[in-house]
């Protein structure tokens, strides 16, 4: 019987590392403070139905939306399971054309009809 030849274990070759290319850095643009859109900042007057909810004073659309959300949160009118839905009380039903529940996106569409 011939003696078994032991194969000399060769160390595994390491994969050659490829040089990593560095991405060219783009020059950072200087930050410019955005100007508010004049259409949003123009004071608008709410209708009588909407004024019952947020008050009769003319103010920008952004302030009206904030006031409306403050009313919704204060009275707990957001749906518990689906926070995107608003459950209307008697005052909001008049603004929402008699609908008892609307989405937050539909709400802004319906409210815009009550602004002059």
N, C-alpha and C. Protein backbone atom coordinates (compact mmCIF):
# COMPACT_ATOMS: atom_id res chain seq x y z
N UNK A 1 0.83 -1.16 0.00
CA UNK A 1 0.00 0.00 0.00
C UNK A 1 0.87 1.22 0.00
N UNK A 2 0.47 2.03 -0.85
CA UNK A 2 1.26 3.27 -0.96
C UNK A 2 0.78 4.25 0.09
N UNK A 3 1.71 4.92 0.59
CA UNK A 3 1.37 5.92 1.61
C UNK A 3 0.57 7.05 0.96
N UNK A 4 -0.45 7.43 1.64
CA UNK A 4 -1.28 8.49 1.09
C UNK A 4 -0.50 9.79 1.16
N UNK A 5 -0.52 10.44 0.03
CA UNK A 5 0.15 11.73 0.01
C UNK A 5 -0.81 12.78 0.55
N UNK A 6 -0.30 13.53 1.45
CA UNK A 6 -1.12 14.61 1.98
C UNK A 6 -0.93 15.82 1.07
N UNK A 7 -2.05 16.31 0.65
CA UNK A 7 -1.98 17.50 -0.19
C UNK A 7 -1.73 18.69 0.73
N UNK A 8 -0.76 19.44 0.38
CA UNK A 8 -0.44 20.61 1.19
C UNK A 8 -1.57 21.62 1.02
N UNK A 9 -2.10 22.04 2.13
CA UNK A 9 -3.18 23.02 2.05
C UNK A 9 -2.61 24.36 1.64
N UNK A 10 -3.21 24.87 0.59
CA UNK A 10 -2.77 26.18 0.13
C UNK A 10 -3.69 27.23 0.74
N UNK A 11 -3.13 28.32 1.17
CA UNK A 11 -4.00 29.37 1.71
C UNK A 11 -4.90 29.91 0.61
N UNK A 12 -6.15 30.19 0.96
CA UNK A 12 -7.11 30.70 -0.03
C UNK A 12 -6.68 32.08 -0.48
N UNK A 13 -6.84 32.29 -1.77
CA UNK A 13 -6.45 33.60 -2.30
C UNK A 13 -7.50 34.63 -1.92
N UNK A 14 -7.03 35.75 -1.49
CA UNK A 14 -7.95 36.83 -1.14
C UNK A 14 -8.29 37.58 -2.42
N UNK A 15 -9.53 37.96 -2.51
CA UNK A 15 -9.96 38.71 -3.69
C UNK A 15 -9.27 40.06 -3.67
N UNK A 16 -8.75 40.43 -4.79
CA UNK A 16 -8.07 41.71 -4.88
C UNK A 16 -9.09 42.83 -4.71
N UNK A 17 -8.77 43.76 -3.85
CA UNK A 17 -9.69 44.87 -3.61
C UNK A 17 -9.57 45.86 -4.76
N UNK A 18 -10.73 46.25 -5.24
CA UNK A 18 -10.75 47.23 -6.31
C UNK A 18 -10.69 48.61 -5.68
N UNK A 19 -9.99 49.51 -6.30
CA UNK A 19 -9.93 50.85 -5.72
C UNK A 19 -11.32 51.50 -5.78
N UNK A 20 -11.69 52.13 -4.69
CA UNK A 20 -13.00 52.77 -4.59
C UNK A 20 -12.88 54.17 -5.16
N UNK A 21 -13.78 54.45 -6.10
CA UNK A 21 -13.77 55.79 -6.69
C UNK A 21 -14.56 56.72 -5.78
N UNK A 22 -14.01 57.85 -5.51
CA UNK A 22 -14.72 58.82 -4.69
C UNK A 22 -15.58 59.68 -5.61
N UNK A 23 -16.80 59.87 -5.19
CA UNK A 23 -17.72 60.68 -5.99
C UNK A 23 -17.30 62.13 -5.88
N UNK A 24 -17.39 62.80 -7.00
CA UNK A 24 -17.05 64.21 -7.00
C UNK A 24 -18.11 64.97 -6.21
N UNK A 25 -17.68 65.78 -5.28
CA UNK A 25 -18.62 66.52 -4.46
C UNK A 25 -19.14 67.72 -5.25
N UNK A 26 -20.46 67.86 -5.20
CA UNK A 26 -21.06 69.01 -5.85
C UNK A 26 -20.95 70.20 -4.91
N UNK A 27 -20.80 71.34 -5.49
CA UNK A 27 -20.74 72.55 -4.68
C UNK A 27 -22.11 72.79 -4.05
N UNK A 28 -22.13 72.97 -2.76
CA UNK A 28 -23.40 73.16 -2.06
C UNK A 28 -23.96 74.53 -2.42
N UNK A 29 -25.26 74.52 -2.72
CA UNK A 29 -25.91 75.79 -3.04
C UNK A 29 -26.14 76.55 -1.75
N UNK A 30 -25.95 77.83 -1.78
CA UNK A 30 -26.21 78.59 -0.55
C UNK A 30 -27.70 78.56 -0.24
N UNK A 31 -28.02 78.38 1.02
CA UNK A 31 -29.43 78.28 1.42
C UNK A 31 -30.06 79.66 1.35
N UNK A 32 -31.19 79.69 0.64
CA UNK A 32 -31.91 80.93 0.49
C UNK A 32 -33.26 80.76 1.19
N UNK A 33 -33.62 81.73 2.01
CA UNK A 33 -34.89 81.64 2.71
C UNK A 33 -36.01 81.82 1.69
N UNK A 34 -36.97 80.89 1.72
CA UNK A 34 -38.08 80.93 0.77
C UNK A 34 -39.03 82.06 1.11
N UNK A 35 -39.54 82.67 0.07
CA UNK A 35 -40.54 83.72 0.26
C UNK A 35 -41.90 83.05 0.25
N UNK A 36 -42.80 83.45 1.16
CA UNK A 36 -44.13 82.86 1.15
C UNK A 36 -44.89 83.28 -0.11
N UNK A 37 -45.72 82.38 -0.60
CA UNK A 37 -46.51 82.65 -1.78
C UNK A 37 -47.53 83.74 -1.45
N UNK A 38 -47.59 84.76 -2.29
CA UNK A 38 -48.48 85.89 -2.03
C UNK A 38 -49.95 85.48 -2.00
N UNK A 39 -50.32 84.46 -2.78
CA UNK A 39 -51.71 84.02 -2.82
C UNK A 39 -52.13 83.42 -1.48
N UNK A 40 -51.22 82.73 -0.81
CA UNK A 40 -51.55 82.14 0.49
C UNK A 40 -51.59 83.21 1.59
N UNK A 41 -50.83 84.27 1.43
CA UNK A 41 -50.73 85.27 2.47
C UNK A 41 -51.78 86.37 2.34
N UNK A 42 -52.52 86.38 1.25
CA UNK A 42 -53.56 87.38 1.05
C UNK A 42 -54.73 87.08 2.00
N UNK A 43 -55.15 88.06 2.80
CA UNK A 43 -56.27 87.80 3.71
C UNK A 43 -57.56 87.53 2.94
N UNK A 44 -58.28 86.51 3.38
CA UNK A 44 -59.57 86.16 2.79
C UNK A 44 -60.62 86.16 3.91
N UNK A 45 -61.85 86.41 3.52
CA UNK A 45 -62.94 86.48 4.49
C UNK A 45 -63.73 85.18 4.48
N UNK A 46 -63.91 84.55 5.64
CA UNK A 46 -64.70 83.30 5.68
C UNK A 46 -66.19 83.59 5.55
N UNK A 47 -66.93 82.63 5.02
CA UNK A 47 -68.39 82.74 4.92
C UNK A 47 -68.99 82.66 6.31
N UNK A 48 -70.28 82.89 6.41
CA UNK A 48 -70.94 82.86 7.72
C UNK A 48 -70.85 81.47 8.36
N UNK A 49 -70.99 80.43 7.54
CA UNK A 49 -70.93 79.06 8.06
C UNK A 49 -69.54 78.74 8.61
N UNK A 50 -68.51 79.15 7.88
CA UNK A 50 -67.14 78.91 8.33
C UNK A 50 -66.78 79.83 9.50
N UNK A 51 -67.32 81.04 9.49
CA UNK A 51 -67.05 82.00 10.58
C UNK A 51 -67.60 81.48 11.90
N UNK A 52 -68.65 80.65 11.86
CA UNK A 52 -69.19 80.06 13.09
C UNK A 52 -68.17 79.12 13.74
N UNK A 53 -67.26 78.60 12.94
CA UNK A 53 -66.25 77.65 13.44
C UNK A 53 -64.97 78.36 13.84
N UNK A 54 -64.47 79.26 12.99
CA UNK A 54 -63.14 79.84 13.23
C UNK A 54 -63.15 81.33 13.54
N UNK A 55 -64.28 81.99 13.38
CA UNK A 55 -64.36 83.43 13.65
C UNK A 55 -64.45 84.21 12.34
N UNK A 56 -64.98 85.45 12.40
CA UNK A 56 -65.27 86.21 11.19
C UNK A 56 -64.11 87.05 10.63
N UNK A 57 -63.00 87.14 11.33
CA UNK A 57 -61.91 88.03 10.90
C UNK A 57 -61.24 87.55 9.63
N UNK A 58 -60.96 88.46 8.67
CA UNK A 58 -60.19 88.08 7.48
C UNK A 58 -58.76 87.72 7.86
N UNK A 59 -58.24 86.67 7.27
CA UNK A 59 -56.85 86.25 7.53
C UNK A 59 -56.39 85.35 6.39
N UNK A 60 -55.08 85.07 6.32
CA UNK A 60 -54.56 84.22 5.23
C UNK A 60 -55.11 82.79 5.30
N UNK A 61 -55.07 82.11 4.18
CA UNK A 61 -55.55 80.72 4.09
C UNK A 61 -54.81 79.82 5.06
N UNK A 62 -53.52 80.06 5.23
CA UNK A 62 -52.74 79.22 6.12
C UNK A 62 -53.23 79.34 7.56
N UNK A 63 -53.58 80.56 7.98
CA UNK A 63 -54.08 80.77 9.34
C UNK A 63 -55.46 80.15 9.51
N UNK A 64 -56.27 80.20 8.46
CA UNK A 64 -57.61 79.59 8.53
C UNK A 64 -57.48 78.08 8.69
N UNK A 65 -56.55 77.47 7.96
CA UNK A 65 -56.34 76.02 8.07
C UNK A 65 -55.85 75.66 9.47
N UNK A 66 -54.94 76.46 10.03
CA UNK A 66 -54.47 76.21 11.40
C UNK A 66 -55.60 76.30 12.40
N UNK A 67 -56.44 77.33 12.25
CA UNK A 67 -57.56 77.49 13.18
C UNK A 67 -58.56 76.34 13.06
N UNK A 68 -58.78 75.90 11.84
CA UNK A 68 -59.71 74.79 11.62
C UNK A 68 -59.18 73.51 12.28
N UNK A 69 -57.87 73.24 12.12
CA UNK A 69 -57.29 72.06 12.76
C UNK A 69 -57.31 72.19 14.28
N UNK A 70 -57.13 73.40 14.80
CA UNK A 70 -57.20 73.61 16.25
C UNK A 70 -58.60 73.27 16.75
N UNK A 71 -59.63 73.67 15.99
CA UNK A 71 -61.01 73.36 16.35
C UNK A 71 -61.26 71.85 16.32
N UNK A 72 -60.74 71.19 15.28
CA UNK A 72 -60.93 69.74 15.13
C UNK A 72 -60.27 69.00 16.30
N UNK A 73 -59.05 69.37 16.64
CA UNK A 73 -58.32 68.69 17.73
C UNK A 73 -58.96 68.99 19.09
N UNK A 74 -59.38 70.25 19.28
CA UNK A 74 -59.98 70.65 20.56
C UNK A 74 -61.26 69.86 20.83
N UNK A 75 -62.05 69.63 19.80
CA UNK A 75 -63.32 68.93 19.96
C UNK A 75 -63.22 67.43 19.69
N UNK A 76 -62.03 66.93 19.43
CA UNK A 76 -61.83 65.49 19.22
C UNK A 76 -62.58 64.95 18.02
N UNK A 77 -62.54 65.67 16.90
CA UNK A 77 -63.31 65.28 15.73
C UNK A 77 -62.53 64.41 14.75
N UNK A 78 -61.25 64.16 15.02
CA UNK A 78 -60.47 63.26 14.16
C UNK A 78 -60.88 61.83 14.47
N UNK A 79 -61.04 61.02 13.41
CA UNK A 79 -61.42 59.62 13.59
C UNK A 79 -60.32 58.90 14.38
N UNK A 80 -60.70 58.05 15.31
CA UNK A 80 -59.71 57.38 16.17
C UNK A 80 -58.87 56.35 15.41
N UNK A 81 -59.51 55.62 14.48
CA UNK A 81 -58.78 54.57 13.76
C UNK A 81 -58.04 55.12 12.55
N UNK A 82 -58.70 55.98 11.78
CA UNK A 82 -58.09 56.55 10.58
C UNK A 82 -57.97 58.05 10.78
N UNK A 83 -56.79 58.51 11.17
CA UNK A 83 -56.57 59.91 11.53
C UNK A 83 -56.75 60.87 10.36
N UNK A 84 -56.80 60.34 9.14
CA UNK A 84 -56.99 61.21 7.97
C UNK A 84 -58.44 61.62 7.79
N UNK A 85 -59.34 61.01 8.52
CA UNK A 85 -60.76 61.31 8.38
C UNK A 85 -61.22 62.24 9.50
N UNK A 86 -62.09 63.18 9.14
CA UNK A 86 -62.63 64.15 10.09
C UNK A 86 -64.12 63.85 10.27
N UNK A 87 -64.54 63.66 11.51
CA UNK A 87 -65.96 63.45 11.83
C UNK A 87 -66.56 64.82 12.13
N UNK A 88 -67.55 65.22 11.35
CA UNK A 88 -68.11 66.56 11.47
C UNK A 88 -69.13 66.66 12.59
N UNK A 89 -69.06 67.78 13.33
CA UNK A 89 -70.13 68.09 14.27
C UNK A 89 -71.13 68.98 13.54
N UNK A 90 -72.11 69.55 14.24
CA UNK A 90 -73.15 70.33 13.56
C UNK A 90 -72.58 71.54 12.81
N UNK A 91 -71.61 72.24 13.42
CA UNK A 91 -71.03 73.42 12.76
C UNK A 91 -70.25 73.03 11.51
N UNK A 92 -69.49 71.95 11.59
CA UNK A 92 -68.69 71.54 10.44
C UNK A 92 -69.54 70.90 9.34
N UNK A 93 -70.67 70.28 9.69
CA UNK A 93 -71.53 69.70 8.66
C UNK A 93 -72.00 70.77 7.69
N UNK A 94 -72.25 71.99 8.21
CA UNK A 94 -72.66 73.09 7.34
C UNK A 94 -71.54 73.47 6.38
N UNK A 95 -70.31 73.40 6.84
CA UNK A 95 -69.16 73.72 5.99
C UNK A 95 -68.88 72.58 5.01
N UNK A 96 -69.10 71.34 5.43
CA UNK A 96 -68.82 70.15 4.62
C UNK A 96 -69.99 69.73 3.75
N UNK A 97 -70.93 70.63 3.48
CA UNK A 97 -72.09 70.35 2.63
C UNK A 97 -72.93 69.18 3.15
N UNK A 98 -73.09 69.07 4.45
CA UNK A 98 -73.94 68.04 5.04
C UNK A 98 -73.28 66.69 5.21
N UNK A 99 -72.03 66.53 4.83
CA UNK A 99 -71.34 65.24 5.00
C UNK A 99 -70.94 65.07 6.46
N UNK A 100 -71.10 63.85 6.96
CA UNK A 100 -70.76 63.59 8.36
C UNK A 100 -69.28 63.23 8.54
N UNK A 101 -68.63 62.79 7.46
CA UNK A 101 -67.21 62.46 7.54
C UNK A 101 -66.53 62.77 6.21
N UNK A 102 -65.39 63.46 6.29
CA UNK A 102 -64.61 63.78 5.08
C UNK A 102 -63.14 63.52 5.37
N UNK A 103 -62.37 63.34 4.30
CA UNK A 103 -60.92 63.18 4.48
C UNK A 103 -60.30 64.56 4.65
N UNK A 104 -59.10 64.60 5.19
CA UNK A 104 -58.44 65.89 5.41
C UNK A 104 -58.17 66.60 4.08
N UNK A 105 -57.99 65.85 3.00
CA UNK A 105 -57.73 66.45 1.70
C UNK A 105 -59.02 67.03 1.12
N UNK A 106 -60.11 66.31 1.31
CA UNK A 106 -61.40 66.79 0.85
C UNK A 106 -61.84 68.01 1.67
N UNK A 107 -61.43 68.04 2.93
CA UNK A 107 -61.78 69.15 3.81
C UNK A 107 -61.27 70.48 3.25
N UNK A 108 -60.02 70.53 2.82
CA UNK A 108 -59.46 71.77 2.30
C UNK A 108 -60.19 72.21 1.03
N UNK A 109 -60.62 71.26 0.23
CA UNK A 109 -61.38 71.56 -0.99
C UNK A 109 -62.73 72.18 -0.63
N UNK A 110 -63.39 71.60 0.36
CA UNK A 110 -64.70 72.10 0.78
C UNK A 110 -64.60 73.45 1.47
N UNK A 111 -63.55 73.67 2.24
CA UNK A 111 -63.37 74.93 2.96
C UNK A 111 -63.07 76.06 1.98
N UNK A 112 -62.35 75.76 0.92
CA UNK A 112 -61.99 76.83 -0.04
C UNK A 112 -63.22 77.44 -0.69
N UNK A 113 -64.32 76.70 -0.74
CA UNK A 113 -65.56 77.23 -1.30
C UNK A 113 -66.21 78.24 -0.36
N UNK A 114 -65.78 78.27 0.90
CA UNK A 114 -66.35 79.18 1.90
C UNK A 114 -65.47 80.40 2.13
N UNK A 115 -64.51 80.64 1.25
CA UNK A 115 -63.61 81.79 1.39
C UNK A 115 -63.88 82.79 0.26
N UNK A 116 -63.88 84.07 0.62
CA UNK A 116 -64.13 85.14 -0.36
C UNK A 116 -62.88 85.96 -0.57
